[in-house]
Amino acid sequence: MKSQITIIASLLLSLLFFSGCQSETTPEDLREEVKTIKEIEKRSQNIENKGDAFDVLRDLNQSLKSIRDKILQMEIKYREASENEKKQMEKEFETANKEIDQSLQVISKNTEPYKDKEEVSKMLDKLNEILISK
């Protein structure tokens, strides 16, 4: 499960360099999404039952979809940016990627005891569908 979530995050974040979209967003928007993932990480530390695990994974699913969309939006700006702007965007992207990976590892560890529960298992499948859909 830990590797699945790590792969999901890495592939989502790598979409910045491989896809196109016509709207723009800013690195600040991505930082807001990272803050949301951090909040989910904190919530995952208080999981007491399968319902809590499901809720955490559902919110993680929604946040990862939002991050994917922000990255797709940033890509067009990246293509048109100057070299200095590109370097700054890459630095901010790498920072966000590291923070998300760390949070996903914690969330994975905290939801591990519930991965065999049907609802939690279905939510993990939905998280994997994010990769397939984009």
N, C-alpha and C. Protein backbone atom coordinates (compact mmCIF):
# COMPACT_ATOMS: atom_id res chain seq x y z
N MET A 1 0.83 -1.18 0.00
CA MET A 1 0.00 0.00 0.00
C MET A 1 0.88 1.25 0.00
N LYS A 2 1.97 1.22 0.77
CA LYS A 2 2.86 2.37 0.84
C LYS A 2 3.43 2.67 -0.55
N SER A 3 3.82 1.62 -1.24
CA SER A 3 4.39 1.85 -2.57
C SER A 3 3.33 2.34 -3.55
N GLN A 4 2.09 1.87 -3.40
CA GLN A 4 1.02 2.33 -4.29
C GLN A 4 0.79 3.83 -4.13
N ILE A 5 0.72 4.30 -2.91
CA ILE A 5 0.48 5.72 -2.67
C ILE A 5 1.67 6.54 -3.14
N THR A 6 2.88 6.06 -2.91
CA THR A 6 4.07 6.78 -3.35
C THR A 6 4.11 6.87 -4.87
N ILE A 7 3.77 5.78 -5.53
CA ILE A 7 3.75 5.78 -6.99
C ILE A 7 2.68 6.74 -7.50
N ILE A 8 1.53 6.74 -6.86
CA ILE A 8 0.46 7.65 -7.26
C ILE A 8 0.94 9.09 -7.20
N ALA A 9 1.54 9.46 -6.09
CA ALA A 9 1.99 10.84 -5.93
C ALA A 9 3.06 11.20 -6.95
N SER A 10 4.02 10.32 -7.12
CA SER A 10 5.11 10.60 -8.05
C SER A 10 4.62 10.77 -9.48
N LEU A 11 3.73 9.88 -9.89
CA LEU A 11 3.22 9.98 -11.25
C LEU A 11 2.33 11.20 -11.45
N LEU A 12 1.54 11.51 -10.45
CA LEU A 12 0.70 12.70 -10.56
C LEU A 12 1.56 13.95 -10.69
N LEU A 13 2.56 14.02 -9.86
CA LEU A 13 3.40 15.21 -9.89
C LEU A 13 4.25 15.29 -11.16
N SER A 14 4.60 14.14 -11.73
CA SER A 14 5.38 14.17 -12.96
C SER A 14 4.56 14.61 -14.17
N LEU A 15 3.25 14.64 -14.04
CA LEU A 15 2.40 15.11 -15.14
C LEU A 15 2.70 16.55 -15.52
N LEU A 16 3.31 17.29 -14.63
CA LEU A 16 3.66 18.67 -14.90
C LEU A 16 4.45 18.79 -16.20
N PHE A 17 5.28 17.83 -16.46
CA PHE A 17 6.17 17.92 -17.60
C PHE A 17 5.66 17.24 -18.86
N PHE A 18 4.54 16.51 -18.78
CA PHE A 18 4.14 15.69 -19.91
C PHE A 18 2.76 15.97 -20.49
N SER A 19 2.02 16.90 -19.97
CA SER A 19 0.67 17.09 -20.48
C SER A 19 0.39 18.56 -20.73
N GLY A 20 -0.70 18.84 -21.39
CA GLY A 20 -1.05 20.22 -21.70
C GLY A 20 -2.45 20.57 -21.25
N CYS A 21 -2.62 21.84 -20.92
CA CYS A 21 -3.92 22.35 -20.49
C CYS A 21 -3.92 23.84 -20.79
N GLN A 22 -5.08 24.41 -21.02
CA GLN A 22 -5.13 25.79 -21.46
C GLN A 22 -5.28 26.82 -20.34
N SER A 23 -5.54 26.42 -19.13
CA SER A 23 -5.67 27.40 -18.05
C SER A 23 -4.38 27.47 -17.24
N GLU A 24 -4.24 28.54 -16.47
CA GLU A 24 -3.03 28.75 -15.69
C GLU A 24 -3.32 28.69 -14.21
N THR A 25 -2.30 28.32 -13.48
CA THR A 25 -2.35 28.35 -12.03
C THR A 25 -0.98 28.77 -11.54
N THR A 26 -0.83 28.96 -10.27
CA THR A 26 0.43 29.42 -9.72
C THR A 26 0.99 28.39 -8.76
N PRO A 27 2.30 28.47 -8.48
CA PRO A 27 2.89 27.58 -7.49
C PRO A 27 2.21 27.72 -6.12
N GLU A 28 1.66 28.89 -5.83
CA GLU A 28 0.97 29.09 -4.56
C GLU A 28 -0.25 28.17 -4.46
N ASP A 29 -0.92 27.97 -5.60
CA ASP A 29 -2.07 27.06 -5.62
C ASP A 29 -1.63 25.64 -5.25
N LEU A 30 -0.48 25.23 -5.76
CA LEU A 30 0.04 23.91 -5.44
C LEU A 30 0.42 23.83 -3.96
N ARG A 31 0.97 24.90 -3.42
CA ARG A 31 1.31 24.92 -1.99
C ARG A 31 0.07 24.78 -1.12
N GLU A 32 -1.03 25.35 -1.56
CA GLU A 32 -2.28 25.21 -0.81
C GLU A 32 -2.72 23.74 -0.79
N GLU A 33 -2.55 23.07 -1.90
CA GLU A 33 -2.90 21.65 -1.96
C GLU A 33 -1.98 20.82 -1.07
N VAL A 34 -0.72 21.19 -1.00
CA VAL A 34 0.22 20.50 -0.11
C VAL A 34 -0.22 20.68 1.34
N LYS A 35 -0.68 21.88 1.68
CA LYS A 35 -1.18 22.12 3.04
C LYS A 35 -2.37 21.21 3.33
N THR A 36 -3.22 21.02 2.35
CA THR A 36 -4.38 20.15 2.52
C THR A 36 -3.93 18.71 2.79
N ILE A 37 -2.93 18.25 2.05
CA ILE A 37 -2.39 16.90 2.26
C ILE A 37 -1.80 16.79 3.67
N LYS A 38 -1.12 17.84 4.12
CA LYS A 38 -0.55 17.84 5.48
C LYS A 38 -1.66 17.73 6.53
N GLU A 39 -2.77 18.41 6.30
CA GLU A 39 -3.91 18.32 7.23
C GLU A 39 -4.47 16.90 7.26
N ILE A 40 -4.55 16.28 6.10
CA ILE A 40 -5.02 14.89 6.04
C ILE A 40 -4.04 13.98 6.77
N GLU A 41 -2.76 14.26 6.63
CA GLU A 41 -1.74 13.48 7.35
C GLU A 41 -1.97 13.57 8.86
N LYS A 42 -2.22 14.78 9.36
CA LYS A 42 -2.48 14.95 10.80
C LYS A 42 -3.72 14.19 11.22
N ARG A 43 -4.76 14.24 10.39
CA ARG A 43 -5.99 13.50 10.71
C ARG A 43 -5.74 12.01 10.74
N SER A 44 -4.83 11.53 9.89
CA SER A 44 -4.57 10.09 9.82
C SER A 44 -3.91 9.57 11.09
N GLN A 45 -3.35 10.45 11.88
CA GLN A 45 -2.71 10.03 13.12
C GLN A 45 -3.73 9.70 14.21
N ASN A 46 -4.99 10.03 13.99
CA ASN A 46 -6.04 9.78 14.97
C ASN A 46 -7.08 8.77 14.47
N ILE A 47 -6.68 7.88 13.58
CA ILE A 47 -7.61 6.88 13.05
C ILE A 47 -7.90 5.86 14.14
N GLU A 48 -9.20 5.66 14.38
CA GLU A 48 -9.60 4.71 15.42
C GLU A 48 -10.38 3.52 14.87
N ASN A 49 -10.89 3.63 13.64
CA ASN A 49 -11.68 2.53 13.08
C ASN A 49 -11.65 2.62 11.55
N LYS A 50 -12.30 1.64 10.91
CA LYS A 50 -12.29 1.60 9.45
C LYS A 50 -13.00 2.80 8.83
N GLY A 51 -13.99 3.34 9.53
CA GLY A 51 -14.68 4.53 9.03
C GLY A 51 -13.76 5.73 8.96
N ASP A 52 -12.94 5.91 9.98
CA ASP A 52 -11.96 7.00 9.98
C ASP A 52 -10.94 6.79 8.85
N ALA A 53 -10.48 5.56 8.68
CA ALA A 53 -9.52 5.26 7.62
C ALA A 53 -10.13 5.56 6.25
N PHE A 54 -11.38 5.16 6.07
CA PHE A 54 -12.08 5.43 4.81
C PHE A 54 -12.17 6.93 4.55
N ASP A 55 -12.56 7.69 5.57
CA ASP A 55 -12.70 9.14 5.42
C ASP A 55 -11.37 9.79 5.04
N VAL A 56 -10.30 9.36 5.69
CA VAL A 56 -8.98 9.91 5.38
C VAL A 56 -8.60 9.60 3.94
N LEU A 57 -8.80 8.36 3.52
CA LEU A 57 -8.45 7.98 2.15
C LEU A 57 -9.35 8.65 1.12
N ARG A 58 -10.61 8.86 1.45
CA ARG A 58 -11.53 9.57 0.54
C ARG A 58 -11.05 11.01 0.34
N ASP A 59 -10.70 11.67 1.45
CA ASP A 59 -10.21 13.04 1.35
C ASP A 59 -8.87 13.10 0.62
N LEU A 60 -8.03 12.09 0.84
CA LEU A 60 -6.76 12.02 0.12
C LEU A 60 -7.01 11.87 -1.38
N ASN A 61 -7.95 11.04 -1.73
CA ASN A 61 -8.33 10.85 -3.13
C ASN A 61 -8.73 12.17 -3.77
N GLN A 62 -9.59 12.93 -3.10
CA GLN A 62 -10.03 14.21 -3.62
C GLN A 62 -8.87 15.19 -3.73
N SER A 63 -7.99 15.19 -2.76
CA SER A 63 -6.85 16.11 -2.79
C SER A 63 -5.88 15.76 -3.91
N LEU A 64 -5.65 14.47 -4.11
CA LEU A 64 -4.75 14.07 -5.19
C LEU A 64 -5.32 14.42 -6.56
N LYS A 65 -6.63 14.31 -6.71
CA LYS A 65 -7.26 14.74 -7.97
C LYS A 65 -7.06 16.24 -8.17
N SER A 66 -7.22 16.98 -7.11
CA SER A 66 -7.04 18.43 -7.20
C SER A 66 -5.60 18.79 -7.53
N ILE A 67 -4.66 18.09 -6.91
CA ILE A 67 -3.23 18.32 -7.20
C ILE A 67 -2.94 18.00 -8.65
N ARG A 68 -3.48 16.91 -9.14
CA ARG A 68 -3.28 16.54 -10.54
C ARG A 68 -3.77 17.66 -11.45
N ASP A 69 -4.95 18.19 -11.15
CA ASP A 69 -5.50 19.27 -11.96
C ASP A 69 -4.63 20.52 -11.90
N LYS A 70 -4.13 20.85 -10.72
CA LYS A 70 -3.26 22.04 -10.58
C LYS A 70 -1.98 21.86 -11.39
N ILE A 71 -1.43 20.66 -11.37
CA ILE A 71 -0.20 20.40 -12.12
C ILE A 71 -0.45 20.51 -13.61
N LEU A 72 -1.56 19.98 -14.04
CA LEU A 72 -1.90 20.09 -15.46
C LEU A 72 -2.04 21.55 -15.87
N GLN A 73 -2.60 22.35 -14.99
CA GLN A 73 -2.77 23.77 -15.28
C GLN A 73 -1.44 24.51 -15.28
N MET A 74 -0.54 24.09 -14.42
CA MET A 74 0.76 24.76 -14.34
C MET A 74 1.64 24.47 -15.56
N GLU A 75 1.38 23.38 -16.22
CA GLU A 75 2.23 22.96 -17.32
C GLU A 75 2.30 24.00 -18.43
N ILE A 76 1.19 24.60 -18.77
CA ILE A 76 1.20 25.59 -19.85
C ILE A 76 2.04 26.81 -19.47
N LYS A 77 1.94 27.21 -18.22
CA LYS A 77 2.74 28.33 -17.75
C LYS A 77 4.23 27.97 -17.79
N TYR A 78 4.54 26.73 -17.47
CA TYR A 78 5.93 26.27 -17.49
C TYR A 78 6.50 26.34 -18.90
N ARG A 79 5.72 25.94 -19.87
CA ARG A 79 6.19 25.96 -21.27
C ARG A 79 6.51 27.37 -21.75
N GLU A 80 5.79 28.35 -21.25
CA GLU A 80 5.96 29.73 -21.71
C GLU A 80 6.90 30.54 -20.82
N ALA A 81 7.38 29.95 -19.75
CA ALA A 81 8.20 30.69 -18.78
C ALA A 81 9.63 30.85 -19.27
N SER A 82 10.29 31.87 -18.72
CA SER A 82 11.71 32.05 -19.00
C SER A 82 12.50 30.98 -18.25
N GLU A 83 13.79 30.89 -18.57
CA GLU A 83 14.62 29.88 -17.93
C GLU A 83 14.67 30.07 -16.41
N ASN A 84 14.77 31.32 -15.95
CA ASN A 84 14.80 31.58 -14.50
C ASN A 84 13.48 31.18 -13.86
N GLU A 85 12.36 31.49 -14.51
CA GLU A 85 11.05 31.12 -13.99
C GLU A 85 10.89 29.60 -13.96
N LYS A 86 11.41 28.94 -15.00
CA LYS A 86 11.33 27.48 -15.05
C LYS A 86 12.10 26.86 -13.88
N LYS A 87 13.29 27.39 -13.62
CA LYS A 87 14.09 26.86 -12.51
C LYS A 87 13.37 27.05 -11.18
N GLN A 88 12.76 28.22 -11.00
CA GLN A 88 12.02 28.49 -9.77
C GLN A 88 10.82 27.55 -9.64
N MET A 89 10.11 27.36 -10.74
CA MET A 89 8.96 26.46 -10.72
C MET A 89 9.39 25.02 -10.43
N GLU A 90 10.49 24.60 -11.02
CA GLU A 90 11.00 23.25 -10.77
C GLU A 90 11.38 23.07 -9.31
N LYS A 91 12.02 24.10 -8.73
CA LYS A 91 12.41 24.04 -7.32
C LYS A 91 11.18 23.92 -6.43
N GLU A 92 10.17 24.74 -6.68
CA GLU A 92 8.93 24.69 -5.90
C GLU A 92 8.21 23.37 -6.10
N PHE A 93 8.24 22.86 -7.32
CA PHE A 93 7.63 21.58 -7.62
C PHE A 93 8.31 20.45 -6.85
N GLU A 94 9.63 20.44 -6.85
CA GLU A 94 10.38 19.41 -6.13
C GLU A 94 10.11 19.48 -4.63
N THR A 95 10.03 20.68 -4.09
CA THR A 95 9.72 20.84 -2.67
C THR A 95 8.34 20.27 -2.36
N ALA A 96 7.37 20.61 -3.20
CA ALA A 96 6.01 20.09 -3.00
C ALA A 96 5.99 18.57 -3.12
N ASN A 97 6.72 18.05 -4.08
CA ASN A 97 6.78 16.60 -4.30
C ASN A 97 7.34 15.89 -3.05
N LYS A 98 8.40 16.42 -2.48
CA LYS A 98 8.99 15.82 -1.28
C LYS A 98 8.02 15.86 -0.10
N GLU A 99 7.36 16.98 0.08
CA GLU A 99 6.41 17.10 1.18
C GLU A 99 5.24 16.14 1.02
N ILE A 100 4.75 16.02 -0.18
CA ILE A 100 3.63 15.10 -0.44
C ILE A 100 4.07 13.67 -0.21
N ASP A 101 5.25 13.30 -0.69
CA ASP A 101 5.75 11.95 -0.48
C ASP A 101 5.86 11.61 1.00
N GLN A 102 6.38 12.55 1.78
CA GLN A 102 6.50 12.33 3.22
C GLN A 102 5.13 12.14 3.86
N SER A 103 4.18 12.96 3.49
CA SER A 103 2.83 12.85 4.04
C SER A 103 2.18 11.54 3.64
N LEU A 104 2.38 11.12 2.39
CA LEU A 104 1.78 9.88 1.93
C LEU A 104 2.35 8.67 2.67
N GLN A 105 3.61 8.73 3.00
CA GLN A 105 4.21 7.65 3.78
C GLN A 105 3.57 7.54 5.16
N VAL A 106 3.34 8.67 5.79
CA VAL A 106 2.70 8.68 7.11
C VAL A 106 1.26 8.18 7.00
N ILE A 107 0.53 8.68 6.01
CA ILE A 107 -0.86 8.26 5.82
C ILE A 107 -0.92 6.76 5.54
N SER A 108 -0.02 6.28 4.72
CA SER A 108 0.03 4.85 4.41
C SER A 108 0.26 4.02 5.67
N LYS A 109 1.19 4.44 6.47
CA LYS A 109 1.50 3.73 7.72
C LYS A 109 0.28 3.74 8.65
N ASN A 110 -0.39 4.87 8.74
CA ASN A 110 -1.52 5.01 9.66
C ASN A 110 -2.77 4.27 9.21
N THR A 111 -2.92 4.05 7.90
CA THR A 111 -4.09 3.33 7.40
C THR A 111 -3.81 1.85 7.18
N GLU A 112 -2.59 1.43 7.34
CA GLU A 112 -2.19 0.03 7.12
C GLU A 112 -3.06 -0.98 7.87
N PRO A 113 -3.39 -0.77 9.14
CA PRO A 113 -4.19 -1.77 9.85
C PRO A 113 -5.60 -1.97 9.28
N TYR A 114 -6.04 -1.07 8.43
CA TYR A 114 -7.42 -1.12 7.92
C TYR A 114 -7.49 -1.48 6.44
N LYS A 115 -6.36 -1.78 5.82
CA LYS A 115 -6.37 -2.00 4.37
C LYS A 115 -7.15 -3.24 3.96
N ASP A 116 -7.37 -4.18 4.87
CA ASP A 116 -8.12 -5.39 4.54
C ASP A 116 -9.63 -5.19 4.65
N LYS A 117 -10.06 -4.07 5.18
CA LYS A 117 -11.49 -3.78 5.29
C LYS A 117 -12.03 -3.40 3.92
N GLU A 118 -13.23 -3.84 3.61
CA GLU A 118 -13.79 -3.67 2.27
C GLU A 118 -13.84 -2.20 1.82
N GLU A 119 -14.36 -1.33 2.68
CA GLU A 119 -14.50 0.08 2.31
C GLU A 119 -13.14 0.72 2.05
N VAL A 120 -12.19 0.39 2.89
CA VAL A 120 -10.84 0.96 2.75
C VAL A 120 -10.19 0.41 1.48
N SER A 121 -10.36 -0.86 1.23
CA SER A 121 -9.80 -1.48 0.03
C SER A 121 -10.37 -0.84 -1.24
N LYS A 122 -11.68 -0.57 -1.24
CA LYS A 122 -12.30 0.08 -2.40
C LYS A 122 -11.74 1.49 -2.61
N MET A 123 -11.51 2.20 -1.52
CA MET A 123 -10.96 3.56 -1.65
C MET A 123 -9.53 3.50 -2.19
N LEU A 124 -8.76 2.52 -1.78
CA LEU A 124 -7.41 2.36 -2.33
C LEU A 124 -7.48 2.08 -3.83
N ASP A 125 -8.46 1.30 -4.24
CA ASP A 125 -8.65 1.05 -5.67
C ASP A 125 -8.97 2.34 -6.42
N LYS A 126 -9.79 3.19 -5.82
CA LYS A 126 -10.11 4.48 -6.44
C LYS A 126 -8.87 5.36 -6.56
N LEU A 127 -8.02 5.32 -5.54
CA LEU A 127 -6.78 6.08 -5.61
C LEU A 127 -5.93 5.61 -6.77
N ASN A 128 -5.90 4.30 -7.00
CA ASN A 128 -5.14 3.76 -8.13
C ASN A 128 -5.76 4.15 -9.46
N GLU A 129 -7.07 4.35 -9.51
CA GLU A 129 -7.75 4.76 -10.75
C GLU A 129 -7.32 6.16 -11.18
N ILE A 130 -6.90 6.97 -10.24
CA ILE A 130 -6.41 8.31 -10.59
C ILE A 130 -5.28 8.18 -11.60
N LEU A 131 -4.40 7.23 -11.36
CA LEU A 131 -3.28 7.03 -12.27
C LEU A 131 -3.75 6.57 -13.64
N ILE A 132 -4.70 5.68 -13.65
CA ILE A 132 -5.18 5.12 -14.90
C ILE A 132 -5.90 6.18 -15.73
N SER A 133 -6.65 7.05 -15.06
CA SER A 133 -7.45 8.04 -15.79
C SER A 133 -6.60 9.13 -16.44
N LYS A 134 -5.45 9.39 -15.94
CA LYS A 134 -4.59 10.43 -16.54
C LYS A 134 -3.27 9.83 -16.84
